[in-house]
Amino acid sequence: SHHGIDWQELRNAIDEADELGTARGGSTIAQQTAKNLFLWPG
């Protein structure tokens, strides 16, 4: 139902990171594929 980025999930991950001080993943399959194909881990 999204077009590469799940903006709602991304906002939730950012909000939780602000509240808890730790980040969790909010990446979509398209984002993970982009990272794995073109970018670096971490």
All heavy atoms as atom14 arrays in JSON, in Angstrom:
{
  "sequence": "SHHGIDWQELRNAIDEADELGTARGGSTIAQQTAKNLFLWPG",
  "atom14_mask": [
    [1, 1, 1, 1, 1, 1, 0, 0, 0, 0, 0, 0, 0, 0],
    [1, 1, 1, 1, 1, 1, 1, 1, 1, 1, 0, 0, 0, 0],
    [1, 1, 1, 1, 1, 1, 1, 1, 1, 1, 0, 0, 0, 0],
    [1, 1, 1, 1, 0, 0, 0, 0, 0, 0, 0, 0, 0, 0],
    [1, 1, 1, 1, 1, 1, 1, 1, 0, 0, 0, 0, 0, 0],
    [1, 1, 1, 1, 1, 1, 1, 1, 0, 0, 0, 0, 0, 0],
    [1, 1, 1, 1, 1, 1, 1, 1, 1, 1, 1, 1, 1, 1],
    [1, 1, 1, 1, 1, 1, 1, 1, 1, 0, 0, 0, 0, 0],
    [1, 1, 1, 1, 1, 1, 1, 1, 1, 0, 0, 0, 0, 0],
    [1, 1, 1, 1, 1, 1, 1, 1, 0, 0, 0, 0, 0, 0],
    [1, 1, 1, 1, 1, 1, 1, 1, 1, 1, 1, 0, 0, 0],
    [1, 1, 1, 1, 1, 1, 1, 1, 0, 0, 0, 0, 0, 0],
    [1, 1, 1, 1, 1, 0, 0, 0, 0, 0, 0, 0, 0, 0],
    [1, 1, 1, 1, 1, 1, 1, 1, 0, 0, 0, 0, 0, 0],
    [1, 1, 1, 1, 1, 1, 1, 1, 0, 0, 0, 0, 0, 0],
    [1, 1, 1, 1, 1, 1, 1, 1, 1, 0, 0, 0, 0, 0],
    [1, 1, 1, 1, 1, 0, 0, 0, 0, 0, 0, 0, 0, 0],
    [1, 1, 1, 1, 1, 1, 1, 1, 0, 0, 0, 0, 0, 0],
    [1, 1, 1, 1, 1, 1, 1, 1, 1, 0, 0, 0, 0, 0],
    [1, 1, 1, 1, 1, 1, 1, 1, 0, 0, 0, 0, 0, 0],
    [1, 1, 1, 1, 0, 0, 0, 0, 0, 0, 0, 0, 0, 0],
    [1, 1, 1, 1, 1, 1, 1, 0, 0, 0, 0, 0, 0, 0],
    [1, 1, 1, 1, 1, 0, 0, 0, 0, 0, 0, 0, 0, 0],
    [1, 1, 1, 1, 1, 1, 1, 1, 1, 1, 1, 0, 0, 0],
    [1, 1, 1, 1, 0, 0, 0, 0, 0, 0, 0, 0, 0, 0],
    [1, 1, 1, 1, 0, 0, 0, 0, 0, 0, 0, 0, 0, 0],
    [1, 1, 1, 1, 1, 1, 0, 0, 0, 0, 0, 0, 0, 0],
    [1, 1, 1, 1, 1, 1, 1, 0, 0, 0, 0, 0, 0, 0],
    [1, 1, 1, 1, 1, 1, 1, 1, 0, 0, 0, 0, 0, 0],
    [1, 1, 1, 1, 1, 0, 0, 0, 0, 0, 0, 0, 0, 0],
    [1, 1, 1, 1, 1, 1, 1, 1, 1, 0, 0, 0, 0, 0],
    [1, 1, 1, 1, 1, 1, 1, 1, 1, 0, 0, 0, 0, 0],
    [1, 1, 1, 1, 1, 1, 1, 0, 0, 0, 0, 0, 0, 0],
    [1, 1, 1, 1, 1, 0, 0, 0, 0, 0, 0, 0, 0, 0],
    [1, 1, 1, 1, 1, 1, 1, 1, 1, 0, 0, 0, 0, 0],
    [1, 1, 1, 1, 1, 1, 1, 1, 0, 0, 0, 0, 0, 0],
    [1, 1, 1, 1, 1, 1, 1, 1, 0, 0, 0, 0, 0, 0],
    [1, 1, 1, 1, 1, 1, 1, 1, 1, 1, 1, 0, 0, 0],
    [1, 1, 1, 1, 1, 1, 1, 1, 0, 0, 0, 0, 0, 0],
    [1, 1, 1, 1, 1, 1, 1, 1, 1, 1, 1, 1, 1, 1],
    [1, 1, 1, 1, 1, 1, 1, 0, 0, 0, 0, 0, 0, 0],
    [1, 1, 1, 1, 0, 0, 0, 0, 0, 0, 0, 0, 0, 0]
  ],
  "atom14_positions": [
    [[0.79, -1.24, 0.0], [0.0, 0.0, 0.0], [0.82, 1.28, 0.0], [0.25, 2.37, -0.03], [-0.95, -0.01, 1.2], [-0.22, -0.04, 2.41], [0.0, 0.0, 0.0], [0.0, 0.0, 0.0], [0.0, 0.0, 0.0], [0.0, 0.0, 0.0], [0.0, 0.0, 0.0], [0.0, 0.0, 0.0], [0.0, 0.0, 0.0], [0.0, 0.0, 0.0]],
    [[2.13, 1.18, 0.0], [2.94, 2.41, -0.08], [3.8, 2.36, -1.34], [3.82, 1.36, -2.05], [3.79, 2.61, 1.18], [4.8, 1.54, 1.43], [5.89, 1.32, 0.62], [4.88, 0.6, 2.4], [6.6, 0.33, 1.07], [6.0, -0.14, 2.16], [0.0, 0.0, 0.0], [0.0, 0.0, 0.0], [0.0, 0.0, 0.0], [0.0, 0.0, 0.0]],
    [[4.5, 3.44, -1.6], [5.3, 3.54, -2.81], [6.78, 3.65, -2.49], [7.47, 4.55, -2.94], [4.83, 4.72, -3.67], [3.42, 4.56, -4.12], [3.03, 3.65, -5.08], [2.28, 5.15, -3.7], [1.73, 3.71, -5.25], [1.24, 4.61, -4.42], [0.0, 0.0, 0.0], [0.0, 0.0, 0.0], [0.0, 0.0, 0.0], [0.0, 0.0, 0.0]],
    [[7.26, 2.71, -1.67], [8.68, 2.65, -1.36], [9.03, 3.11, 0.03], [10.01, 2.65, 0.6], [0.0, 0.0, 0.0], [0.0, 0.0, 0.0], [0.0, 0.0, 0.0], [0.0, 0.0, 0.0], [0.0, 0.0, 0.0], [0.0, 0.0, 0.0], [0.0, 0.0, 0.0], [0.0, 0.0, 0.0], [0.0, 0.0, 0.0], [0.0, 0.0, 0.0]],
    [[8.26, 4.04, 0.56], [8.5, 4.55, 1.91], [7.18, 4.54, 2.66], [6.18, 5.04, 2.17], [9.08, 5.98, 1.88], [10.41, 5.98, 1.14], [9.25, 6.53, 3.29], [10.95, 7.35, 0.83], [0.0, 0.0, 0.0], [0.0, 0.0, 0.0], [0.0, 0.0, 0.0], [0.0, 0.0, 0.0], [0.0, 0.0, 0.0], [0.0, 0.0, 0.0]],
    [[7.19, 3.96, 3.83], [6.02, 3.95, 4.69], [6.17, 5.13, 5.65], [6.81, 5.03, 6.69], [5.94, 2.62, 5.46], [4.67, 2.48, 6.28], [4.03, 3.51, 6.58], [4.33, 1.33, 6.63], [0.0, 0.0, 0.0], [0.0, 0.0, 0.0], [0.0, 0.0, 0.0], [0.0, 0.0, 0.0], [0.0, 0.0, 0.0], [0.0, 0.0, 0.0]],
    [[5.62, 6.27, 5.24], [5.82, 7.5, 6.0], [5.3, 7.37, 7.43], [5.9, 7.91, 8.36], [5.16, 8.68, 5.28], [5.8, 8.94, 3.95], [5.29, 8.66, 2.72], [7.1, 9.51, 3.72], [6.18, 9.01, 1.74], [7.3, 9.54, 2.32], [8.11, 9.99, 4.55], [8.47, 10.04, 1.75], [9.28, 10.48, 3.97], [9.45, 10.51, 2.59]],
    [[4.2, 6.66, 7.61], [3.64, 6.47, 8.95], [4.61, 5.7, 9.84], [4.88, 6.08, 10.97], [2.3, 5.73, 8.85], [1.67, 5.44, 10.2], [0.38, 4.64, 10.06], [-0.23, 4.58, 9.02], [-0.03, 4.01, 11.15], [0.0, 0.0, 0.0], [0.0, 0.0, 0.0], [0.0, 0.0, 0.0], [0.0, 0.0, 0.0], [0.0, 0.0, 0.0]],
    [[5.17, 4.62, 9.32], [6.12, 3.82, 10.09], [7.41, 4.61, 10.37], [7.97, 4.52, 11.45], [6.45, 2.53, 9.33], [7.24, 1.54, 10.12], [6.56, 1.01, 11.37], [5.32, 0.95, 11.41], [7.28, 0.67, 12.32], [0.0, 0.0, 0.0], [0.0, 0.0, 0.0], [0.0, 0.0, 0.0], [0.0, 0.0, 0.0], [0.0, 0.0, 0.0]],
    [[7.83, 5.4, 9.4], [9.01, 6.23, 9.59], [8.79, 7.26, 10.7], [9.64, 7.45, 11.57], [9.38, 6.93, 8.27], [10.69, 7.68, 8.22], [11.88, 6.77, 8.53], [10.86, 8.32, 6.85], [0.0, 0.0, 0.0], [0.0, 0.0, 0.0], [0.0, 0.0, 0.0], [0.0, 0.0, 0.0], [0.0, 0.0, 0.0], [0.0, 0.0, 0.0]],
    [[7.6, 7.89, 10.69], [7.26, 8.84, 11.78], [7.22, 8.14, 13.13], [7.71, 8.67, 14.13], [5.92, 9.51, 11.49], [6.01, 10.75, 10.64], [4.7, 11.52, 10.6], [3.61, 10.78, 9.97], [3.42, 10.68, 8.66], [4.22, 11.29, 7.84], [2.41, 9.99, 8.19], [0.0, 0.0, 0.0], [0.0, 0.0, 0.0], [0.0, 0.0, 0.0]],
    [[6.63, 6.95, 13.18], [6.57, 6.19, 14.43], [7.98, 5.88, 14.95], [8.24, 5.99, 16.15], [5.8, 4.89, 14.25], [4.32, 5.11, 14.03], [3.79, 6.18, 14.3], [3.65, 4.09, 13.52], [0.0, 0.0, 0.0], [0.0, 0.0, 0.0], [0.0, 0.0, 0.0], [0.0, 0.0, 0.0], [0.0, 0.0, 0.0], [0.0, 0.0, 0.0]],
    [[8.88, 5.48, 14.05], [10.25, 5.16, 14.47], [10.95, 6.4, 15.01], [11.66, 6.34, 16.02], [11.03, 4.57, 13.29], [0.0, 0.0, 0.0], [0.0, 0.0, 0.0], [0.0, 0.0, 0.0], [0.0, 0.0, 0.0], [0.0, 0.0, 0.0], [0.0, 0.0, 0.0], [0.0, 0.0, 0.0], [0.0, 0.0, 0.0], [0.0, 0.0, 0.0]],
    [[10.73, 7.55, 14.37], [11.34, 8.81, 14.83], [10.76, 9.21, 16.19], [11.5, 9.58, 17.1], [11.14, 9.92, 13.79], [11.98, 9.62, 12.55], [11.5, 11.29, 14.37], [11.66, 10.48, 11.34], [0.0, 0.0, 0.0], [0.0, 0.0, 0.0], [0.0, 0.0, 0.0], [0.0, 0.0, 0.0], [0.0, 0.0, 0.0], [0.0, 0.0, 0.0]],
    [[9.43, 9.11, 16.32], [8.79, 9.46, 17.6], [9.29, 8.57, 18.73], [9.56, 9.06, 19.83], [7.26, 9.35, 17.49], [6.65, 10.44, 16.63], [7.35, 11.43, 16.33], [5.48, 10.28, 16.24], [0.0, 0.0, 0.0], [0.0, 0.0, 0.0], [0.0, 0.0, 0.0], [0.0, 0.0, 0.0], [0.0, 0.0, 0.0], [0.0, 0.0, 0.0]],
    [[9.39, 7.28, 18.48], [9.87, 6.36, 19.51], [11.31, 6.63, 19.87], [11.7, 6.53, 21.03], [9.69, 4.92, 19.06], [8.25, 4.46, 19.11], [8.09, 3.01, 18.7], [9.06, 2.23, 18.8], [6.98, 2.65, 18.27], [0.0, 0.0, 0.0], [0.0, 0.0, 0.0], [0.0, 0.0, 0.0], [0.0, 0.0, 0.0], [0.0, 0.0, 0.0]],
    [[12.13, 7.0, 18.87], [13.53, 7.31, 19.15], [13.62, 8.54, 20.04], [14.45, 8.59, 20.95], [14.29, 7.53, 17.85], [0.0, 0.0, 0.0], [0.0, 0.0, 0.0], [0.0, 0.0, 0.0], [0.0, 0.0, 0.0], [0.0, 0.0, 0.0], [0.0, 0.0, 0.0], [0.0, 0.0, 0.0], [0.0, 0.0, 0.0], [0.0, 0.0, 0.0]],
    [[12.77, 9.54, 19.81], [12.76, 10.73, 20.65], [12.37, 10.4, 22.08], [12.97, 10.89, 23.02], [11.78, 11.77, 20.1], [12.3, 12.44, 18.83], [13.51, 12.3, 18.54], [11.5, 13.09, 18.14], [0.0, 0.0, 0.0], [0.0, 0.0, 0.0], [0.0, 0.0, 0.0], [0.0, 0.0, 0.0], [0.0, 0.0, 0.0], [0.0, 0.0, 0.0]],
    [[11.37, 9.54, 22.22], [10.86, 9.2, 23.55], [11.78, 8.26, 24.32], [11.96, 8.4, 25.51], [9.47, 8.55, 23.42], [8.4, 9.5, 22.93], [7.1, 8.79, 22.62], [6.95, 7.61, 23.0], [6.24, 9.4, 21.96], [0.0, 0.0, 0.0], [0.0, 0.0, 0.0], [0.0, 0.0, 0.0], [0.0, 0.0, 0.0], [0.0, 0.0, 0.0]],
    [[12.35, 7.3, 23.63], [13.12, 6.27, 24.31], [14.63, 6.48, 24.24], [15.38, 5.83, 24.95], [12.79, 4.89, 23.72], [11.32, 4.48, 23.77], [11.12, 3.17, 23.03], [10.86, 4.34, 25.21], [0.0, 0.0, 0.0], [0.0, 0.0, 0.0], [0.0, 0.0, 0.0], [0.0, 0.0, 0.0], [0.0, 0.0, 0.0], [0.0, 0.0, 0.0]],
    [[15.06, 7.36, 23.35], [16.48, 7.6, 23.2], [17.2, 6.54, 22.38], [18.4, 6.59, 22.22], [0.0, 0.0, 0.0], [0.0, 0.0, 0.0], [0.0, 0.0, 0.0], [0.0, 0.0, 0.0], [0.0, 0.0, 0.0], [0.0, 0.0, 0.0], [0.0, 0.0, 0.0], [0.0, 0.0, 0.0], [0.0, 0.0, 0.0], [0.0, 0.0, 0.0]],
    [[16.47, 5.56, 21.86], [17.06, 4.54, 21.01], [16.26, 4.45, 19.72], [15.05, 4.68, 19.72], [17.07, 3.16, 21.68], [15.73, 2.79, 21.99], [17.9, 3.16, 22.95], [0.0, 0.0, 0.0], [0.0, 0.0, 0.0], [0.0, 0.0, 0.0], [0.0, 0.0, 0.0], [0.0, 0.0, 0.0], [0.0, 0.0, 0.0], [0.0, 0.0, 0.0]],
    [[16.93, 4.14, 18.65], [16.26, 4.05, 17.36], [15.92, 2.59, 17.04], [16.66, 1.68, 17.38], [17.16, 4.62, 16.27], [0.0, 0.0, 0.0], [0.0, 0.0, 0.0], [0.0, 0.0, 0.0], [0.0, 0.0, 0.0], [0.0, 0.0, 0.0], [0.0, 0.0, 0.0], [0.0, 0.0, 0.0], [0.0, 0.0, 0.0], [0.0, 0.0, 0.0]],
    [[14.79, 2.4, 16.4], [14.43, 1.08, 15.9], [14.24, 1.2, 14.4], [14.1, 2.28, 13.87], [13.14, 0.58, 16.55], [11.91, 1.35, 16.12], [10.65, 0.57, 16.49], [9.47, 1.32, 16.18], [8.84, 1.31, 15.01], [9.31, 0.58, 14.03], [7.75, 2.03, 14.8], [0.0, 0.0, 0.0], [0.0, 0.0, 0.0], [0.0, 0.0, 0.0]],
    [[14.22, 0.09, 13.73], [14.05, 0.11, 12.28], [12.65, 0.51, 11.88], [11.69, 0.17, 12.54], [0.0, 0.0, 0.0], [0.0, 0.0, 0.0], [0.0, 0.0, 0.0], [0.0, 0.0, 0.0], [0.0, 0.0, 0.0], [0.0, 0.0, 0.0], [0.0, 0.0, 0.0], [0.0, 0.0, 0.0], [0.0, 0.0, 0.0], [0.0, 0.0, 0.0]],
    [[12.55, 1.26, 10.83], [11.27, 1.61, 10.26], [11.35, 1.52, 8.74], [10.56, 2.11, 8.03], [0.0, 0.0, 0.0], [0.0, 0.0, 0.0], [0.0, 0.0, 0.0], [0.0, 0.0, 0.0], [0.0, 0.0, 0.0], [0.0, 0.0, 0.0], [0.0, 0.0, 0.0], [0.0, 0.0, 0.0], [0.0, 0.0, 0.0], [0.0, 0.0, 0.0]],
    [[12.33, 0.77, 8.27], [12.59, 0.7, 6.84], [11.65, -0.26, 6.13], [11.33, -1.33, 6.65], [14.03, 0.25, 6.58], [14.94, 1.19, 7.06], [0.0, 0.0, 0.0], [0.0, 0.0, 0.0], [0.0, 0.0, 0.0], [0.0, 0.0, 0.0], [0.0, 0.0, 0.0], [0.0, 0.0, 0.0], [0.0, 0.0, 0.0], [0.0, 0.0, 0.0]],
    [[11.29, 0.12, 4.92], [10.47, -0.74, 4.07], [11.37, -1.71, 3.31], [12.6, -1.6, 3.34], [9.7, 0.11, 3.05], [10.66, 0.76, 2.19], [8.81, 1.13, 3.72], [0.0, 0.0, 0.0], [0.0, 0.0, 0.0], [0.0, 0.0, 0.0], [0.0, 0.0, 0.0], [0.0, 0.0, 0.0], [0.0, 0.0, 0.0], [0.0, 0.0, 0.0]],
    [[10.75, -2.63, 2.61], [11.5, -3.56, 1.78], [12.25, -2.8, 0.7], [13.41, -3.1, 0.41], [10.56, -4.64, 1.2], [10.19, -5.61, 2.33], [11.21, -5.37, 0.03], [9.16, -6.64, 1.98], [0.0, 0.0, 0.0], [0.0, 0.0, 0.0], [0.0, 0.0, 0.0], [0.0, 0.0, 0.0], [0.0, 0.0, 0.0], [0.0, 0.0, 0.0]],
    [[11.64, -1.77, 0.13], [12.33, -0.97, -0.89], [13.55, -0.26, -0.29], [14.62, -0.21, -0.92], [11.37, 0.06, -1.5], [0.0, 0.0, 0.0], [0.0, 0.0, 0.0], [0.0, 0.0, 0.0], [0.0, 0.0, 0.0], [0.0, 0.0, 0.0], [0.0, 0.0, 0.0], [0.0, 0.0, 0.0], [0.0, 0.0, 0.0], [0.0, 0.0, 0.0]],
    [[13.42, 0.27, 0.91], [14.55, 0.93, 1.57], [15.66, -0.07, 1.87], [16.84, 0.23, 1.67], [14.1, 1.61, 2.86], [13.27, 2.85, 2.63], [12.75, 3.39, 3.95], [11.64, 3.07, 4.35], [13.56, 4.18, 4.62], [0.0, 0.0, 0.0], [0.0, 0.0, 0.0], [0.0, 0.0, 0.0], [0.0, 0.0, 0.0], [0.0, 0.0, 0.0]],
    [[15.3, -1.24, 2.37], [16.31, -2.24, 2.68], [16.99, -2.74, 1.41], [18.2, -2.99, 1.4], [15.67, -3.4, 3.45], [15.23, -2.98, 4.84], [14.52, -4.08, 5.56], [15.05, -5.18, 5.71], [13.31, -3.81, 6.01], [0.0, 0.0, 0.0], [0.0, 0.0, 0.0], [0.0, 0.0, 0.0], [0.0, 0.0, 0.0], [0.0, 0.0, 0.0]],
    [[16.23, -2.86, 0.33], [16.81, -3.28, -0.94], [17.77, -2.21, -1.44], [18.88, -2.53, -1.89], [15.7, -3.56, -1.98], [14.84, -4.57, -1.46], [16.28, -4.02, -3.3], [0.0, 0.0, 0.0], [0.0, 0.0, 0.0], [0.0, 0.0, 0.0], [0.0, 0.0, 0.0], [0.0, 0.0, 0.0], [0.0, 0.0, 0.0], [0.0, 0.0, 0.0]],
    [[17.37, -0.95, -1.36], [18.26, 0.15, -1.77], [19.55, 0.12, -0.97], [20.65, 0.24, -1.52], [17.54, 1.49, -1.6], [0.0, 0.0, 0.0], [0.0, 0.0, 0.0], [0.0, 0.0, 0.0], [0.0, 0.0, 0.0], [0.0, 0.0, 0.0], [0.0, 0.0, 0.0], [0.0, 0.0, 0.0], [0.0, 0.0, 0.0], [0.0, 0.0, 0.0]],
    [[19.43, -0.05, 0.34], [20.61, -0.11, 1.21], [21.5, -1.27, 0.81], [22.71, -1.11, 0.63], [20.21, -0.24, 2.67], [21.41, -0.37, 3.61], [21.03, -0.81, 5.0], [20.62, -2.26, 4.95], [20.49, -2.93, 6.21], [0.0, 0.0, 0.0], [0.0, 0.0, 0.0], [0.0, 0.0, 0.0], [0.0, 0.0, 0.0], [0.0, 0.0, 0.0]],
    [[20.92, -2.45, 0.66], [21.71, -3.65, 0.37], [22.35, -3.61, -1.01], [23.44, -4.15, -1.2], [20.85, -4.91, 0.51], [20.48, -5.19, 1.94], [21.1, -4.71, 2.88], [19.42, -5.97, 2.13], [0.0, 0.0, 0.0], [0.0, 0.0, 0.0], [0.0, 0.0, 0.0], [0.0, 0.0, 0.0], [0.0, 0.0, 0.0], [0.0, 0.0, 0.0]],
    [[21.68, -2.98, -1.99], [22.22, -2.93, -3.34], [23.23, -1.8, -3.54], [24.23, -1.98, -4.23], [21.08, -2.73, -4.36], [20.31, -3.94, -4.81], [19.17, -3.54, -5.72], [21.22, -4.93, -5.52], [0.0, 0.0, 0.0], [0.0, 0.0, 0.0], [0.0, 0.0, 0.0], [0.0, 0.0, 0.0], [0.0, 0.0, 0.0], [0.0, 0.0, 0.0]],
    [[22.94, -0.62, -2.98], [23.69, 0.56, -3.36], [24.48, 1.23, -2.24], [25.36, 2.05, -2.52], [22.73, 1.62, -3.94], [21.93, 1.14, -5.1], [20.55, 1.07, -5.02], [22.54, 0.74, -6.28], [19.79, 0.63, -6.09], [21.79, 0.3, -7.36], [20.41, 0.24, -7.27], [0.0, 0.0, 0.0], [0.0, 0.0, 0.0], [0.0, 0.0, 0.0]],
    [[24.15, 0.94, -0.99], [24.72, 1.7, 0.12], [25.52, 0.81, 1.05], [25.94, -0.28, 0.69], [23.61, 2.47, 0.85], [22.81, 3.42, -0.06], [21.6, 3.98, 0.67], [23.67, 4.53, -0.61], [0.0, 0.0, 0.0], [0.0, 0.0, 0.0], [0.0, 0.0, 0.0], [0.0, 0.0, 0.0], [0.0, 0.0, 0.0], [0.0, 0.0, 0.0]],
    [[25.74, 1.22, 2.24], [26.58, 0.51, 3.2], [25.75, 0.11, 4.42], [24.73, 0.71, 4.71], [27.76, 1.38, 3.61], [27.37, 2.69, 4.22], [27.19, 2.95, 5.56], [27.08, 3.92, 3.55], [26.81, 4.26, 5.75], [26.74, 4.89, 4.53], [27.07, 4.32, 2.22], [26.39, 6.2, 4.23], [26.73, 5.62, 1.92], [26.4, 6.54, 2.92]],
    [[26.21, -0.89, 5.16], [25.5, -1.28, 6.38], [25.73, -0.25, 7.48], [26.55, 0.64, 7.36], [26.11, -2.63, 6.75], [27.44, -2.64, 6.08], [27.34, -1.75, 4.88], [0.0, 0.0, 0.0], [0.0, 0.0, 0.0], [0.0, 0.0, 0.0], [0.0, 0.0, 0.0], [0.0, 0.0, 0.0], [0.0, 0.0, 0.0], [0.0, 0.0, 0.0]],
    [[25.02, -0.42, 8.55], [25.14, 0.5, 9.68], [24.09, 1.59, 9.6], [23.37, 1.7, 8.61], [0.0, 0.0, 0.0], [0.0, 0.0, 0.0], [0.0, 0.0, 0.0], [0.0, 0.0, 0.0], [0.0, 0.0, 0.0], [0.0, 0.0, 0.0], [0.0, 0.0, 0.0], [0.0, 0.0, 0.0], [0.0, 0.0, 0.0], [0.0, 0.0, 0.0]]
  ]
}
